[in-house]
C-alpha atoms as a PDB file:
ATOM      1  CA  ILE A   1    -169.580 -37.332 -24.857  1.00  0.00           C
ATOM      2  CA  ALA A   2    -171.166 -34.870 -22.408  1.00  0.00           C
ATOM      3  CA  PHE A   3    -168.549 -32.236 -23.368  1.00  0.00           C
ATOM      4  CA  THR A   4    -169.168 -32.799 -27.113  1.00  0.00           C
ATOM      5  CA  ILE A   5    -173.003 -32.433 -26.583  1.00  0.00           C
ATOM      6  CA  GLN A   6    -172.437 -29.131 -24.799  1.00  0.00           C
ATOM      7  CA  ASP A   7    -169.968 -27.966 -27.363  1.00  0.00           C
ATOM      8  CA  ARG A   8    -172.429 -28.712 -30.284  1.00  0.00           C
ATOM      9  CA  PRO A   9    -175.781 -27.203 -29.389  1.00  0.00           C
ATOM     10  CA  HIS A  10    -177.106 -28.061 -32.885  1.00  0.00           C
ATOM     11  CA  LEU A  11    -177.308 -31.733 -31.669  1.00  0.00           C
ATOM     12  CA  ALA A  12    -180.246 -30.580 -29.422  1.00  0.00           C
ATOM     13  CA  PHE A  13    -179.089 -32.759 -26.524  1.00  0.00           C
ATOM     14  CA  THR A  14    -178.780 -31.760 -22.904  1.00  0.00           C
ATOM     15  CA  SER A  15    -177.530 -34.039 -20.115  1.00  0.00           C
ATOM     16  CA  VAL A  16    -179.889 -33.767 -17.072  1.00  0.00           C
ATOM     17  CA  GLY A  17    -177.371 -35.675 -14.919  1.00  0.00           C
ATOM     18  CA  TYR A  18    -175.752 -39.005 -14.245  1.00  0.00           C
ATOM     19  CA  LEU A  19    -176.267 -42.079 -12.040  1.00  0.00           C
ATOM     20  CA  ALA A  20    -173.289 -43.810 -10.483  1.00  0.00           C
ATOM     21  CA  PRO A  21    -172.359 -45.623  -7.195  1.00  0.00           C
ATOM     22  CA  GLN A  22    -170.839 -42.276  -6.124  1.00  0.00           C
ATOM     23  CA  ALA A  23    -170.178 -38.854  -7.521  1.00  0.00           C
ATOM     24  CA  VAL A  24    -167.145 -38.328  -9.662  1.00  0.00           C
ATOM     25  CA  ASP A  25    -164.349 -36.265  -8.156  1.00  0.00           C
ATOM     26  CA  GLN A  26    -163.908 -33.981 -11.114  1.00  0.00           C
ATOM     27  CA  ASP A  27    -166.311 -31.625 -12.780  1.00  0.00           C
ATOM     28  CA  TYR A  28    -166.886 -32.676 -16.324  1.00  0.00           C
ATOM     29  CA  PRO A  29    -168.339 -29.989 -18.485  1.00  0.00           C
ATOM     30  CA  GLY A  30    -171.811 -30.819 -19.715  1.00  0.00           C
ATOM     31  CA  LEU A  31    -172.252 -33.941 -17.645  1.00  0.00           C
ATOM     32  CA  GLY A  32    -174.813 -32.464 -15.196  1.00  0.00           C
ATOM     33  CA  PRO A  33    -175.223 -33.213 -11.512  1.00  0.00           C
ATOM     34  CA  TRP A  34    -174.961 -36.540  -9.858  1.00  0.00           C
ATOM     35  CA  LEU A  35    -178.495 -37.797  -9.469  1.00  0.00           C
ATOM     36  CA  GLY A  36    -177.898 -40.734  -7.192  1.00  0.00           C
ATOM     37  CA  ASP A  37    -177.018 -44.354  -7.079  1.00  0.00           C
ATOM     38  CA  ILE A  38    -177.952 -46.666  -9.977  1.00  0.00           C
ATOM     39  CA  THR A  39    -180.249 -48.604  -7.683  1.00  0.00           C
ATOM     40  CA  HIS A  40    -182.596 -45.691  -7.810  1.00  0.00           C
ATOM     41  CA  LEU A  41    -182.844 -45.618 -11.559  1.00  0.00           C
ATOM     42  CA  ARG A  42    -186.636 -46.204 -11.861  1.00  0.00           C
ATOM     43  CA  GLU A  43    -187.409 -43.577  -9.263  1.00  0.00           C
ATOM     44  CA  ILE A  44    -185.131 -40.938 -10.862  1.00  0.00           C
ATOM     45  CA  HIS A  45    -186.480 -41.788 -14.315  1.00  0.00           C
ATOM     46  CA  ASP A  46    -190.097 -41.337 -13.220  1.00  0.00           C
ATOM     47  CA  ARG A  47    -189.208 -37.995 -11.732  1.00  0.00           C
ATOM     48  CA  LEU A  48    -187.159 -36.545 -14.524  1.00  0.00           C
ATOM     49  CA  LYS A  49    -188.685 -38.359 -17.527  1.00  0.00           C
ATOM     50  CA  PRO A  50    -185.556 -38.237 -19.734  1.00  0.00           C
ATOM     51  CA  ASP A  51    -185.859 -38.779 -23.516  1.00  0.00           C
ATOM     52  CA  LEU A  52    -182.869 -41.129 -23.609  1.00  0.00           C
ATOM     53  CA  ILE A  53    -180.947 -43.225 -21.030  1.00  0.00           C
ATOM     54  CA  VAL A  54    -177.292 -43.795 -21.879  1.00  0.00           C
ATOM     55  CA  VAL A  55    -175.627 -46.779 -20.313  1.00  0.00           C
ATOM     56  CA  GLY A  56    -171.822 -46.767 -19.889  1.00  0.00           C
ATOM     57  CA  MET A  57    -171.510 -49.797 -17.585  1.00  0.00           C
ATOM     58  CA  ASP A  58    -170.270 -53.309 -18.125  1.00  0.00           C
ATOM     59  CA  GLU A  59    -172.841 -55.877 -17.562  1.00  0.00           C
ATOM     60  CA  ARG A  60    -170.349 -58.527 -16.636  1.00  0.00           C
ATOM     61  CA  ARG A  61    -169.321 -56.616 -13.454  1.00  0.00           C
ATOM     62  CA  GLY A  62    -172.694 -57.214 -12.013  1.00  0.00           C
ATOM     63  CA  GLN A  63    -173.390 -53.572 -11.444  1.00  0.00           C
ATOM     64  CA  MET A  64    -175.670 -52.767 -14.246  1.00  0.00           C
ATOM     65  CA  PRO A  65    -179.353 -52.609 -13.172  1.00  0.00           C
ATOM     66  CA  VAL A  66    -180.455 -55.044 -15.899  1.00  0.00           C
ATOM     67  CA  SER A  67    -183.945 -55.756 -14.721  1.00  0.00           C
ATOM     68  CA  GLU A  68    -184.706 -52.005 -14.163  1.00  0.00           C
ATOM     69  CA  LEU A  69    -183.447 -51.242 -17.618  1.00  0.00           C
ATOM     70  CA  LEU A  70    -185.393 -54.079 -19.198  1.00  0.00           C
ATOM     71  CA  ASN A  71    -188.608 -52.857 -17.601  1.00  0.00           C
ATOM     72  CA  LEU A  72    -188.074 -49.339 -18.716  1.00  0.00           C
ATOM     73  CA  ARG A  73    -187.243 -50.633 -22.219  1.00  0.00           C
ATOM     74  CA  LEU A  74    -190.492 -52.679 -22.317  1.00  0.00           C
ATOM     75  CA  HIS A  75    -192.459 -49.564 -21.209  1.00  0.00           C
ATOM     76  CA  GLY A  76    -191.146 -47.648 -24.233  1.00  0.00           C
ATOM     77  CA  SER A  77    -188.104 -45.844 -22.874  1.00  0.00           C
ATOM     78  CA  ALA A  78    -185.224 -45.199 -25.243  1.00  0.00           C
ATOM     79  CA  ILE A  79    -181.948 -46.698 -24.003  1.00  0.00           C
ATOM     80  CA  GLU A  80    -178.559 -46.698 -25.747  1.00  0.00           C
ATOM     81  CA  TYR A  81    -174.953 -47.844 -25.107  1.00  0.00           C
ATOM     82  CA  ALA A  82    -172.573 -44.983 -24.517  1.00  0.00           C
ATOM     83  CA  ALA A  83    -170.598 -46.267 -27.499  1.00  0.00           C
ATOM     84  CA  THR A  84    -173.657 -45.757 -29.698  1.00  0.00           C
ATOM     85  CA  LEU A  85    -174.097 -42.230 -28.660  1.00  0.00           C
ATOM     86  CA  TYR A  86    -170.413 -41.520 -28.888  1.00  0.00           C
ATOM     87  CA  GLU A  87    -170.481 -42.526 -32.539  1.00  0.00           C
ATOM     88  CA  ARG A  88    -173.605 -40.444 -33.191  1.00  0.00           C
ATOM     89  CA  VAL A  89    -172.411 -37.281 -31.716  1.00  0.00           C
ATOM     90  CA  MET A  90    -168.614 -37.481 -32.251  1.00  0.00           C
ATOM     91  CA  TRP A  91    -168.649 -39.005 -35.806  1.00  0.00           C
ATOM     92  CA  ARG A  92    -166.112 -41.606 -34.602  1.00  0.00           C
ATOM     93  CA  VAL A  93    -166.204 -45.288 -33.626  1.00  0.00           C
ATOM     94  CA  PRO A  94    -164.780 -45.686 -30.094  1.00  0.00           C
ATOM     95  CA  VAL A  95    -161.926 -48.094 -30.497  1.00  0.00           C
ATOM     96  CA  ALA A  96    -161.413 -48.455 -26.720  1.00  0.00           C
ATOM     97  CA  ALA A  97    -164.947 -49.654 -26.189  1.00  0.00           C
ATOM     98  CA  LEU A  98    -165.083 -51.735 -29.390  1.00  0.00           C
ATOM     99  CA  ARG A  99    -165.217 -55.536 -29.067  1.00  0.00           C
ATOM    100  CA  PRO A 100    -164.999 -58.192 -31.881  1.00  0.00           C
ATOM    101  CA  SER A 101    -168.541 -59.256 -30.966  1.00  0.00           C
ATOM    102  CA  HIS A 102    -169.777 -55.737 -31.743  1.00  0.00           C
ATOM    103  CA  LEU A 103    -168.385 -56.275 -35.288  1.00  0.00           C
ATOM    104  CA  ILE A 104    -169.446 -59.879 -35.741  1.00  0.00           C
ATOM    105  CA  PHE A 105    -173.020 -59.194 -34.792  1.00  0.00           C
ATOM    106  CA  ALA A 106    -173.501 -55.794 -36.275  1.00  0.00           C
ATOM    107  CA  SER A 107    -176.337 -55.483 -38.736  1.00  0.00           C
ATOM    108  CA  GLU A 108    -174.195 -53.291 -41.001  1.00  0.00           C
ATOM    109  CA  LEU A 109    -170.440 -53.507 -40.758  1.00  0.00           C
ATOM    110  CA  GLY A 110    -169.013 -52.047 -43.914  1.00  0.00           C
ATOM    111  CA  PRO A 111    -170.084 -50.292 -47.159  1.00  0.00           C
ATOM    112  CA  ASN A 112    -172.325 -52.279 -49.457  1.00  0.00           C
ATOM    113  CA  ARG A 113    -171.341 -53.310 -52.890  1.00  0.00           C
ATOM    114  CA  TYR A 114    -173.466 -50.761 -54.614  1.00  0.00           C
ATOM    115  CA  ASN A 115    -171.741 -47.837 -52.766  1.00  0.00           C
ATOM    116  CA  LEU A 116    -168.323 -49.295 -53.525  1.00  0.00           C
ATOM    117  CA  MET A 117    -169.196 -49.653 -57.255  1.00  0.00           C
ATOM    118  CA  LEU A 118    -170.550 -46.118 -57.379  1.00  0.00           C
ATOM    119  CA  GLN A 119    -167.448 -44.813 -55.642  1.00  0.00           C
ATOM    120  CA  ARG A 120    -165.191 -46.390 -58.199  1.00  0.00           C
ATOM    121  CA  VAL A 121    -167.172 -44.606 -61.051  1.00  0.00           C
ATOM    122  CA  TYR A 122    -167.184 -41.097 -59.545  1.00  0.00           C
ATOM    123  CA  SER A 123    -163.649 -41.383 -58.192  1.00  0.00           C
ATOM    124  CA  TYR A 124    -162.459 -42.135 -61.709  1.00  0.00           C
ATOM    125  CA  LEU A 125    -164.464 -39.271 -63.217  1.00  0.00           C
ATOM    126  CA  ILE A 126    -163.333 -36.716 -60.582  1.00  0.00           C
ATOM    127  CA  ALA A 127    -159.647 -37.820 -61.015  1.00  0.00           C
ATOM    128  CA  LEU A 128    -159.852 -37.519 -64.768  1.00  0.00           C
ATOM    129  CA  ALA A 129    -161.459 -34.023 -64.451  1.00  0.00           C
ATOM    130  CA  GLY A 130    -158.926 -33.051 -61.824  1.00  0.00           C
ATOM    131  CA  ILE A 131    -155.991 -33.847 -64.038  1.00  0.00           C
ATOM    132  CA  VAL A 132    -157.396 -31.916 -66.935  1.00  0.00           C
ATOM    133  CA  LEU A 133    -158.237 -28.845 -64.859  1.00  0.00           C
ATOM    134  CA  THR A 134    -155.050 -28.794 -62.960  1.00  0.00           C
ATOM    135  CA  LEU A 135    -152.689 -29.653 -65.788  1.00  0.00           C
ATOM    136  CA  PRO A 136    -151.049 -26.166 -65.986  1.00  0.00           C
ATOM    137  CA  LEU A 137    -150.570 -26.290 -62.143  1.00  0.00           C
ATOM    138  CA  LEU A 138    -149.141 -29.827 -62.377  1.00  0.00           C
ATOM    139  CA  ALA A 139    -146.658 -28.633 -65.052  1.00  0.00           C
ATOM    140  CA  ALA A 140    -145.719 -25.525 -62.938  1.00  0.00           C
ATOM    141  CA  VAL A 141    -145.117 -27.522 -59.778  1.00  0.00           C
ATOM    142  CA  TRP A 142    -143.210 -30.252 -61.717  1.00  0.00           C
ATOM    143  CA  LEU A 143    -140.883 -27.566 -63.123  1.00  0.00           C
ATOM    144  CA  GLY A 144    -140.522 -25.893 -59.752  1.00  0.00           C
ATOM    145  CA  VAL A 145    -139.466 -29.050 -58.006  1.00  0.00           C
ATOM    146  CA  ARG A 146    -137.006 -29.955 -60.651  1.00  0.00           C
ATOM    147  CA  LEU A 147    -135.396 -26.452 -60.532  1.00  0.00           C
ATOM    148  CA  SER A 148    -135.435 -26.049 -56.744  1.00  0.00           C
ATOM    149  CA  SER A 149    -133.442 -28.992 -55.738  1.00  0.00           C
ATOM    150  CA  PRO A 150    -131.609 -31.996 -57.376  1.00  0.00           C
ATOM    151  CA  GLY A 151    -133.659 -35.101 -58.047  1.00  0.00           C
ATOM    152  CA  PRO A 152    -136.805 -36.174 -59.828  1.00  0.00           C
ATOM    153  CA  ALA A 153    -139.991 -34.173 -59.494  1.00  0.00           C
ATOM    154  CA  ILE A 154    -142.257 -37.179 -58.807  1.00  0.00           C
ATOM    155  CA  TYR A 155    -141.575 -39.225 -55.788  1.00  0.00           C
ATOM    156  CA  ARG A 156    -142.843 -42.814 -55.479  1.00  0.00           C
ATOM    157  CA  GLN A 157    -143.396 -44.311 -52.034  1.00  0.00           C
ATOM    158  CA  ARG A 158    -144.702 -47.754 -51.007  1.00  0.00           C
ATOM    159  CA  ARG A 159    -148.013 -47.643 -49.193  1.00  0.00           C
ATOM    160  CA  VAL A 160    -150.568 -50.261 -47.954  1.00  0.00           C
ATOM    161  CA  GLY A 161    -153.765 -50.270 -49.870  1.00  0.00           C
ATOM    162  CA  LEU A 162    -156.984 -52.295 -50.325  1.00  0.00           C
ATOM    163  CA  HIS A 163    -156.823 -55.712 -48.497  1.00  0.00           C
ATOM    164  CA  GLY A 164    -153.270 -54.960 -47.357  1.00  0.00           C
ATOM    165  CA  LYS A 165    -151.765 -54.933 -50.949  1.00  0.00           C
ATOM    166  CA  VAL A 166    -148.757 -52.636 -51.248  1.00  0.00           C
ATOM    167  CA  PHE A 167    -148.675 -50.166 -54.098  1.00  0.00           C
ATOM    168  CA  GLU A 168    -146.603 -47.132 -55.121  1.00  0.00           C
ATOM    169  CA  VAL A 169    -148.183 -43.843 -54.340  1.00  0.00           C
ATOM    170  CA  PHE A 170    -147.242 -40.788 -56.522  1.00  0.00           C
ATOM    171  CA  LYS A 171    -146.328 -37.438 -54.923  1.00  0.00           C
ATOM    172  CA  PHE A 172    -144.453 -34.327 -55.916  1.00  0.00           C
ATOM    173  CA  ARG A 173    -141.118 -34.638 -54.144  1.00  0.00           C
ATOM    174  CA  SER A 174    -141.169 -32.296 -51.067  1.00  0.00           C
ATOM    175  CA  MET A 175    -137.890 -33.664 -49.438  1.00  0.00           C
ATOM    176  CA  TYR A 176    -134.302 -33.618 -50.355  1.00  0.00           C
ATOM    177  CA  ILE A 177    -133.180 -36.658 -52.373  1.00  0.00           C
ATOM    178  CA  ASP A 178    -132.196 -39.607 -50.062  1.00  0.00           C
ATOM    179  CA  ALA A 179    -133.682 -37.828 -47.106  1.00  0.00           C
ATOM    180  CA  GLU A 180    -134.164 -41.145 -45.298  1.00  0.00           C
ATOM    181  CA  ALA A 181    -130.845 -42.697 -46.122  1.00  0.00           C
ATOM    182  CA  ARG A 182    -129.651 -42.245 -42.572  1.00  0.00           C
ATOM    183  CA  THR A 183    -132.888 -42.179 -40.559  1.00  0.00           C
ATOM    184  CA  GLY A 184    -134.848 -44.939 -42.324  1.00  0.00           C
ATOM    185  CA  ALA A 185    -138.742 -44.703 -42.343  1.00  0.00           C
ATOM    186  CA  VAL A 186    -139.802 -42.116 -39.782  1.00  0.00           C
ATOM    187  CA  TRP A 187    -142.861 -39.766 -39.606  1.00  0.00           C
ATOM    188  CA  ALA A 188    -142.391 -36.248 -40.704  1.00  0.00           C
ATOM    189  CA  VAL A 189    -142.319 -33.641 -37.898  1.00  0.00           C
ATOM    190  CA  LYS A 190    -142.884 -29.970 -37.648  1.00  0.00           C
ATOM    191  CA  ASN A 191    -139.942 -27.958 -39.116  1.00  0.00           C
ATOM    192  CA  ASP A 192    -138.556 -31.185 -40.562  1.00  0.00           C
ATOM    193  CA  PRO A 193    -135.074 -30.437 -41.944  1.00  0.00           C
ATOM    194  CA  ARG A 194    -135.487 -32.993 -44.668  1.00  0.00           C
ATOM    195  CA  ILE A 195    -138.174 -30.824 -46.284  1.00  0.00           C
ATOM    196  CA  THR A 196    -137.130 -28.428 -49.033  1.00  0.00           C
ATOM    197  CA  PRO A 197    -138.206 -24.746 -48.862  1.00  0.00           C
ATOM    198  CA  LEU A 198    -140.533 -25.351 -51.870  1.00  0.00           C
ATOM    199  CA  GLY A 199    -141.724 -28.533 -50.302  1.00  0.00           C
ATOM    200  CA  ARG A 200    -142.978 -26.772 -47.167  1.00  0.00           C
ATOM    201  CA  TRP A 201    -145.320 -24.763 -49.459  1.00  0.00           C
ATOM    202  CA  LEU A 202    -146.293 -27.799 -51.395  1.00  0.00           C
ATOM    203  CA  ARG A 203    -147.201 -29.603 -48.268  1.00  0.00           C
ATOM    204  CA  LYS A 204    -148.980 -26.615 -46.703  1.00  0.00           C
ATOM    205  CA  LEU A 205    -151.162 -26.257 -49.751  1.00  0.00           C
ATOM    206  CA  ARG A 206    -151.483 -30.054 -50.274  1.00  0.00           C
ATOM    207  CA  LEU A 207    -150.178 -29.683 -53.842  1.00  0.00           C
ATOM    208  CA  ASP A 208    -147.729 -32.508 -53.328  1.00  0.00           C
ATOM    209  CA  GLU A 209    -150.748 -34.861 -53.263  1.00  0.00           C
ATOM    210  CA  LEU A 210    -152.016 -33.928 -56.804  1.00  0.00           C
ATOM    211  CA  PRO A 211    -150.124 -36.676 -58.669  1.00  0.00           C
ATOM    212  CA  GLN A 212    -152.375 -39.149 -56.662  1.00  0.00           C
ATOM    213  CA  PHE A 213    -155.142 -38.542 -59.271  1.00  0.00           C
ATOM    214  CA  PHE A 214    -153.056 -40.956 -61.441  1.00  0.00           C
ATOM    215  CA  ASN A 215    -153.239 -43.623 -58.591  1.00  0.00           C
ATOM    216  CA  VAL A 216    -157.025 -43.200 -58.712  1.00  0.00           C
ATOM    217  CA  LEU A 217    -157.049 -43.771 -62.498  1.00  0.00           C
ATOM    218  CA  ARG A 218    -154.952 -46.894 -61.978  1.00  0.00           C
ATOM    219  CA  GLY A 219    -157.595 -48.275 -59.550  1.00  0.00           C
ATOM    220  CA  GLU A 220    -155.201 -48.183 -56.472  1.00  0.00           C
ATOM    221  CA  MET A 221    -156.920 -45.311 -54.675  1.00  0.00           C
ATOM    222  CA  ALA A 222    -160.232 -43.454 -54.345  1.00  0.00           C
ATOM    223  CA  ILE A 223    -160.841 -39.723 -54.070  1.00  0.00           C
ATOM    224  CA  VAL A 224    -162.064 -40.286 -50.473  1.00  0.00           C
ATOM    225  CA  GLY A 225    -160.890 -42.900 -48.020  1.00  0.00           C
ATOM    226  CA  PRO A 226    -158.482 -43.632 -45.264  1.00  0.00           C
ATOM    227  CA  ARG A 227    -155.019 -42.217 -46.036  1.00  0.00           C
ATOM    228  CA  PRO A 228    -152.628 -44.920 -47.053  1.00  0.00           C
ATOM    229  CA  GLU A 229    -149.755 -45.597 -44.654  1.00  0.00           C
ATOM    230  CA  ARG A 230    -146.332 -46.989 -45.145  1.00  0.00           C
ATOM    231  CA  PRO A 231    -145.778 -50.767 -44.682  1.00  0.00           C
ATOM    232  CA  GLU A 232    -143.169 -50.106 -41.997  1.00  0.00           C
ATOM    233  CA  PHE A 233    -145.624 -48.191 -39.924  1.00  0.00           C
ATOM    234  CA  VAL A 234    -148.595 -50.474 -40.620  1.00  0.00           C
ATOM    235  CA  ARG A 235    -146.714 -53.405 -39.148  1.00  0.00           C
ATOM    236  CA  VAL A 236    -146.021 -51.547 -35.876  1.00  0.00           C
ATOM    237  CA  LEU A 237    -149.471 -49.835 -35.684  1.00  0.00           C
ATOM    238  CA  THR A 238    -151.345 -53.162 -36.288  1.00  0.00           C
ATOM    239  CA  GLU A 239    -149.530 -54.641 -33.261  1.00  0.00           C
ATOM    240  CA  GLN A 240    -150.258 -51.653 -31.094  1.00  0.00           C
ATOM    241  CA  ILE A 241    -153.716 -50.616 -32.020  1.00  0.00           C
ATOM    242  CA  PRO A 242    -156.746 -52.965 -32.080  1.00  0.00           C
ATOM    243  CA  PHE A 243    -158.740 -53.102 -35.353  1.00  0.00           C
ATOM    244  CA  TYR A 244    -156.137 -51.068 -37.151  1.00  0.00           C
ATOM    245  CA  GLY A 245    -156.186 -53.530 -40.038  1.00  0.00           C
ATOM    246  CA  GLN A 246    -159.819 -52.935 -40.722  1.00  0.00           C
ATOM    247  CA  ARG A 247    -159.117 -49.594 -42.343  1.00  0.00           C
ATOM    248  CA  HIS A 248    -157.668 -51.590 -45.356  1.00  0.00           C
ATOM    249  CA  LYS A 249    -161.065 -52.988 -46.171  1.00  0.00           C
ATOM    250  CA  VAL A 250    -161.642 -50.083 -48.591  1.00  0.00           C
ATOM    251  CA  LYS A 251    -159.413 -48.278 -51.022  1.00  0.00           C
ATOM    252  CA  PRO A 252    -157.271 -45.528 -49.478  1.00  0.00           C
ATOM    253  CA  GLY A 253    -158.114 -41.964 -50.504  1.00  0.00           C
ATOM    254  CA  ILE A 254    -156.453 -38.706 -51.525  1.00  0.00           C
ATOM    255  CA  THR A 255    -158.463 -37.090 -48.752  1.00  0.00           C
ATOM    256  CA  GLY A 256    -160.534 -38.642 -45.930  1.00  0.00           C
ATOM    257  CA  TRP A 257    -163.050 -38.229 -43.144  1.00  0.00           C
ATOM    258  CA  ALA A 258    -160.192 -38.244 -40.599  1.00  0.00           C
ATOM    259  CA  GLN A 259    -158.264 -35.514 -42.540  1.00  0.00           C
ATOM    260  CA  ILE A 260    -161.144 -32.906 -42.342  1.00  0.00           C
ATOM    261  CA  ASN A 261    -161.979 -33.751 -38.716  1.00  0.00           C
ATOM    262  CA  HIS A 262    -158.615 -34.070 -37.059  1.00  0.00           C
ATOM    263  CA  LYS A 263    -155.365 -32.103 -37.161  1.00  0.00           C
ATOM    264  CA  TYR A 264    -152.222 -33.582 -38.513  1.00  0.00           C
ATOM    265  CA  GLY A 265    -150.435 -35.676 -35.885  1.00  0.00           C
ATOM    266  CA  ASP A 266    -147.486 -38.040 -35.535  1.00  0.00           C
ATOM    267  CA  THR A 267    -148.283 -39.787 -32.278  1.00  0.00           C
ATOM    268  CA  VAL A 268    -149.891 -43.065 -31.500  1.00  0.00           C
ATOM    269  CA  GLU A 269    -152.766 -41.174 -29.849  1.00  0.00           C
ATOM    270  CA  ASP A 270    -153.370 -39.194 -33.053  1.00  0.00           C
ATOM    271  CA  THR A 271    -153.297 -42.365 -35.101  1.00  0.00           C
ATOM    272  CA  ILE A 272    -156.048 -43.924 -32.799  1.00  0.00           C
ATOM    273  CA  THR A 273    -158.224 -40.857 -33.085  1.00  0.00           C
ATOM    274  CA  LYS A 274    -157.834 -40.951 -36.940  1.00  0.00           C
ATOM    275  CA  LEU A 275    -158.625 -44.730 -36.836  1.00  0.00           C
ATOM    276  CA  GLU A 276    -161.892 -43.927 -35.029  1.00  0.00           C
ATOM    277  CA  PHE A 277    -162.814 -41.519 -37.881  1.00  0.00           C
ATOM    278  CA  ASP A 278    -161.748 -44.103 -40.524  1.00  0.00           C
ATOM    279  CA  LEU A 279    -163.930 -46.851 -38.876  1.00  0.00           C
ATOM    280  CA  TYR A 280    -166.853 -44.384 -38.901  1.00  0.00           C
ATOM    281  CA  TYR A 281    -166.218 -43.752 -42.560  1.00  0.00           C
ATOM    282  CA  LEU A 282    -166.121 -47.479 -43.323  1.00  0.00           C
ATOM    283  CA  LYS A 283    -169.559 -47.895 -41.672  1.00  0.00           C
ATOM    284  CA  ASN A 284    -171.049 -44.841 -43.549  1.00  0.00           C
ATOM    285  CA  LEU A 285    -169.295 -44.763 -46.904  1.00  0.00           C
ATOM    286  CA  GLY A 286    -171.589 -43.349 -49.585  1.00  0.00           C
ATOM    287  CA  LEU A 287    -171.881 -40.581 -52.152  1.00  0.00           C
ATOM    288  CA  SER A 288    -173.312 -37.922 -49.762  1.00  0.00           C
ATOM    289  CA  LEU A 289    -170.473 -38.480 -47.202  1.00  0.00           C
ATOM    290  CA  ASP A 290    -167.847 -38.401 -49.946  1.00  0.00           C
ATOM    291  CA  LEU A 291    -169.192 -35.153 -51.405  1.00  0.00           C
ATOM    292  CA  TYR A 292    -169.160 -33.634 -47.875  1.00  0.00           C
ATOM    293  CA  VAL A 293    -165.484 -34.632 -47.446  1.00  0.00           C
ATOM    294  CA  ILE A 294    -164.563 -33.295 -50.889  1.00  0.00           C
ATOM    295  CA  PHE A 295    -166.274 -29.970 -50.187  1.00  0.00           C
ATOM    296  CA  HIS A 296    -164.462 -29.437 -46.835  1.00  0.00           C
ATOM    297  CA  THR A 297    -161.279 -30.521 -48.437  1.00  0.00           C
ATOM    298  CA  LEU A 298    -161.505 -27.892 -51.132  1.00  0.00           C
ATOM    299  CA  LYS A 299    -162.711 -25.367 -48.635  1.00  0.00           C
END
């Protein structure tokens, strides 16, 4: 969090330092100096008069200065959990610090019905306009795929959608036919030999995703949302990553908040990072955020 605050000066935050039982061994950029033990919280607060106190300790371990924090709170000091500031400055929900109770007692957990209904309307209209405007491009890509390698131009693949329902996503075929006959379902990797020469350009320019406009018209996807994953991967990731199934509470999207904020990755760590962005999107889904994602996708 401290590094992100330092890296994003437009957030207008500066860390004046940290309190802990002892100084950390490493130098963390942006964290500031060690100010002392947590038992001296009130004294240090009165001396520095910070605008915000951020708490990253667990109350159950008996180390958090609860009474001092309560007194400061009653006297008007602003106090936040580190997880709250993490979400505010990093635009992600920290999965590692997330507990079921945080979700159960949250005042707002997911998008409201009005935003979901509005999203259905503008997703349909954008998809319809997208098909009309890109029709010559769709035809050119379709012809190019058919001529460049044997097999159909449109590839159908099973993906997990809203409420865990499996549907077929449409894509322009970028791999050789029967590419997974020997390997089974595996993530694509850099310089994947299964990808055709034309397919590399289609993937680089994201043109292979254009047929998903038809998935939006069918009501299976939205323009913006978490990217749909394959059932084989979902089963494994749900077992390995807490709260992974929550991303299926909204329709999957052609593009998403995770896609414009995180690089493409094929590791579990990348999947966790993208899940943090997806959970943030679930909490903040709305027209303004969707337009922001669409703008940066086009850019």
